[in-house]
Amino acid sequence: ARVPPRGPWAALGLSKVVEVELPPLAPDDAARLLARRAARPFYRRDFGVVTVGAGSGASGGSGGNAGEPLPLDGELLGILAACPLALKLGGSRGLLKGVLA
């Protein structure tokens, strides 16, 4: 007879747990996961992308839209997929989770 799980495993109820190997995420999927789980928005300056504004005032800012967060779209996902961190993680869900913790 099966004994119901106790402690933190009690939420599983009488479910059977099996080991399943998950392949690494595709670069776009890893970038999407990274973007959605990040604790803060991403900015162009986070990736060394410099934008030159139309006016160069004495405000000390870099001008343009450098101060605005990047929307979760194809541009941000492309930047994230090509960044050194994403390449080093190689789509590993466990490593991504550790980075985002």
C-alpha atoms as a PDB file:
ATOM      1  CA  ALA A   1       0.000   0.000   0.000  1.00  0.00           C
ATOM      2  CA  ARG A   2       1.185   3.497  -0.782  1.00  0.00           C
ATOM      3  CA  VAL A   3       1.693   5.867   2.096  1.00  0.00           C
ATOM      4  CA  PRO A   4       0.583   9.429   1.365  1.00  0.00           C
ATOM      5  CA  PRO A   5       3.521  11.835   1.145  1.00  0.00           C
ATOM      6  CA  ARG A   6       4.273  14.043   4.145  1.00  0.00           C
ATOM      7  CA  GLY A   7       5.777  17.459   4.663  1.00  0.00           C
ATOM      8  CA  PRO A   8       6.455  19.538   1.535  1.00  0.00           C
ATOM      9  CA  TRP A   9       5.552  16.559  -0.645  1.00  0.00           C
ATOM     10  CA  ALA A  10       1.979  16.429   0.707  1.00  0.00           C
ATOM     11  CA  ALA A  11       0.836  18.798  -2.059  1.00  0.00           C
ATOM     12  CA  LEU A  12       1.452  16.000  -4.555  1.00  0.00           C
ATOM     13  CA  GLY A  13      -1.335  13.933  -3.041  1.00  0.00           C
ATOM     14  CA  LEU A  14      -1.292  10.413  -4.418  1.00  0.00           C
ATOM     15  CA  SER A  15       0.364  11.479  -7.668  1.00  0.00           C
ATOM     16  CA  LYS A  16       3.246   9.420  -8.964  1.00  0.00           C
ATOM     17  CA  VAL A  17       6.484  11.287  -9.576  1.00  0.00           C
ATOM     18  CA  VAL A  18       8.593  10.140 -12.506  1.00  0.00           C
ATOM     19  CA  GLU A  19      11.926  11.373 -13.806  1.00  0.00           C
ATOM     20  CA  VAL A  20      11.741  13.086 -17.178  1.00  0.00           C
ATOM     21  CA  GLU A  21      14.724  14.570 -18.951  1.00  0.00           C
ATOM     22  CA  LEU A  22      13.984  17.984 -20.412  1.00  0.00           C
ATOM     23  CA  PRO A  23      16.063  19.195 -23.358  1.00  0.00           C
ATOM     24  CA  PRO A  24      17.624  22.672 -23.197  1.00  0.00           C
ATOM     25  CA  LEU A  25      15.435  25.579 -24.200  1.00  0.00           C
ATOM     26  CA  ALA A  26      15.835  27.102 -27.637  1.00  0.00           C
ATOM     27  CA  PRO A  27      17.654  30.481 -27.509  1.00  0.00           C
ATOM     28  CA  ASP A  28      14.434  32.437 -28.130  1.00  0.00           C
ATOM     29  CA  ASP A  29      12.556  30.517 -25.426  1.00  0.00           C
ATOM     30  CA  ALA A  30      15.404  30.983 -22.943  1.00  0.00           C
ATOM     31  CA  ALA A  31      15.440  34.720 -23.723  1.00  0.00           C
ATOM     32  CA  ARG A  32      11.662  34.923 -23.239  1.00  0.00           C
ATOM     33  CA  LEU A  33      11.900  33.119 -19.880  1.00  0.00           C
ATOM     34  CA  LEU A  34      14.742  35.388 -18.781  1.00  0.00           C
ATOM     35  CA  ALA A  35      12.799  38.509 -19.792  1.00  0.00           C
ATOM     36  CA  ARG A  36       9.576  37.429 -18.087  1.00  0.00           C
ATOM     37  CA  ARG A  37      11.200  36.319 -14.832  1.00  0.00           C
ATOM     38  CA  ALA A  38      13.650  39.206 -14.441  1.00  0.00           C
ATOM     39  CA  ALA A  39      13.157  41.282 -11.305  1.00  0.00           C
ATOM     40  CA  ARG A  40      13.346  44.552 -13.234  1.00  0.00           C
ATOM     41  CA  PRO A  41      12.910  45.808 -16.799  1.00  0.00           C
ATOM     42  CA  PHE A  42      15.816  45.769 -19.230  1.00  0.00           C
ATOM     43  CA  TYR A  43      17.295  48.940 -20.705  1.00  0.00           C
ATOM     44  CA  ARG A  44      19.524  49.438 -23.744  1.00  0.00           C
ATOM     45  CA  ARG A  45      22.346  50.482 -21.437  1.00  0.00           C
ATOM     46  CA  ASP A  46      22.235  47.020 -19.815  1.00  0.00           C
ATOM     47  CA  PHE A  47      23.631  45.573 -23.027  1.00  0.00           C
ATOM     48  CA  GLY A  48      26.036  48.353 -23.966  1.00  0.00           C
ATOM     49  CA  VAL A  49      23.700  49.559 -26.714  1.00  0.00           C
ATOM     50  CA  VAL A  50      24.192  53.291 -27.027  1.00  0.00           C
ATOM     51  CA  THR A  51      21.563  55.378 -28.740  1.00  0.00           C
ATOM     52  CA  VAL A  52      22.321  58.889 -29.881  1.00  0.00           C
ATOM     53  CA  GLY A  53      19.520  61.363 -29.348  1.00  0.00           C
ATOM     54  CA  ALA A  54      18.568  64.097 -31.754  1.00  0.00           C
ATOM     55  CA  GLY A  55      19.625  66.783 -29.299  1.00  0.00           C
ATOM     56  CA  SER A  56      22.716  66.763 -27.149  1.00  0.00           C
ATOM     57  CA  GLY A  57      21.716  68.878 -24.189  1.00  0.00           C
ATOM     58  CA  ALA A  58      23.680  69.440 -21.014  1.00  0.00           C
ATOM     59  CA  SER A  59      21.374  67.167 -19.020  1.00  0.00           C
ATOM     60  CA  GLY A  60      23.985  64.451 -18.729  1.00  0.00           C
ATOM     61  CA  GLY A  61      21.727  61.804 -20.245  1.00  0.00           C
ATOM     62  CA  SER A  62      22.608  59.810 -23.313  1.00  0.00           C
ATOM     63  CA  GLY A  63      19.548  61.099 -25.152  1.00  0.00           C
ATOM     64  CA  GLY A  64      17.064  59.241 -27.282  1.00  0.00           C
ATOM     65  CA  ASN A  65      15.133  56.444 -25.660  1.00  0.00           C
ATOM     66  CA  ALA A  66      18.062  55.091 -23.615  1.00  0.00           C
ATOM     67  CA  GLY A  67      16.199  55.793 -20.379  1.00  0.00           C
ATOM     68  CA  GLU A  68      13.057  53.902 -21.329  1.00  0.00           C
ATOM     69  CA  PRO A  69      12.698  50.188 -20.576  1.00  0.00           C
ATOM     70  CA  LEU A  70      12.723  47.885 -23.580  1.00  0.00           C
ATOM     71  CA  PRO A  71       9.328  46.287 -24.299  1.00  0.00           C
ATOM     72  CA  LEU A  72       9.081  42.504 -24.370  1.00  0.00           C
ATOM     73  CA  ASP A  73       9.281  42.152 -28.145  1.00  0.00           C
ATOM     74  CA  GLY A  74      11.486  40.673 -30.837  1.00  0.00           C
ATOM     75  CA  GLU A  75      14.216  43.274 -30.369  1.00  0.00           C
ATOM     76  CA  LEU A  76      14.657  42.545 -26.650  1.00  0.00           C
ATOM     77  CA  LEU A  77      14.480  38.788 -27.190  1.00  0.00           C
ATOM     78  CA  GLY A  78      17.134  39.030 -29.913  1.00  0.00           C
ATOM     79  CA  ILE A  79      19.419  41.054 -27.659  1.00  0.00           C
ATOM     80  CA  LEU A  80      18.913  38.638 -24.755  1.00  0.00           C
ATOM     81  CA  ALA A  81      19.423  35.537 -26.909  1.00  0.00           C
ATOM     82  CA  ALA A  82      22.762  36.902 -28.135  1.00  0.00           C
ATOM     83  CA  CYS A  83      24.040  38.196 -24.784  1.00  0.00           C
ATOM     84  CA  PRO A  84      27.017  36.375 -23.215  1.00  0.00           C
ATOM     85  CA  LEU A  85      24.993  35.265 -20.173  1.00  0.00           C
ATOM     86  CA  ALA A  86      22.340  33.517 -22.256  1.00  0.00           C
ATOM     87  CA  LEU A  87      25.003  31.865 -24.403  1.00  0.00           C
ATOM     88  CA  LYS A  88      26.824  30.622 -21.297  1.00  0.00           C
ATOM     89  CA  LEU A  89      23.611  29.196 -19.786  1.00  0.00           C
ATOM     90  CA  GLY A  90      22.936  27.240 -22.972  1.00  0.00           C
ATOM     91  CA  GLY A  91      19.174  27.038 -22.441  1.00  0.00           C
ATOM     92  CA  SER A  92      19.465  25.125 -19.155  1.00  0.00           C
ATOM     93  CA  ARG A  93      16.264  25.656 -17.172  1.00  0.00           C
ATOM     94  CA  GLY A  94      18.041  24.974 -13.888  1.00  0.00           C
ATOM     95  CA  LEU A  95      20.809  27.470 -14.567  1.00  0.00           C
ATOM     96  CA  LEU A  96      18.289  30.093 -15.700  1.00  0.00           C
ATOM     97  CA  LYS A  97      16.299  29.575 -12.515  1.00  0.00           C
ATOM     98  CA  GLY A  98      19.461  29.967 -10.440  1.00  0.00           C
ATOM     99  CA  VAL A  99      20.405  33.195 -12.207  1.00  0.00           C
ATOM    100  CA  LEU A 100      16.947  34.634 -11.677  1.00  0.00           C
ATOM    101  CA  ALA A 101      16.732  33.702  -7.986  1.00  0.00           C
END
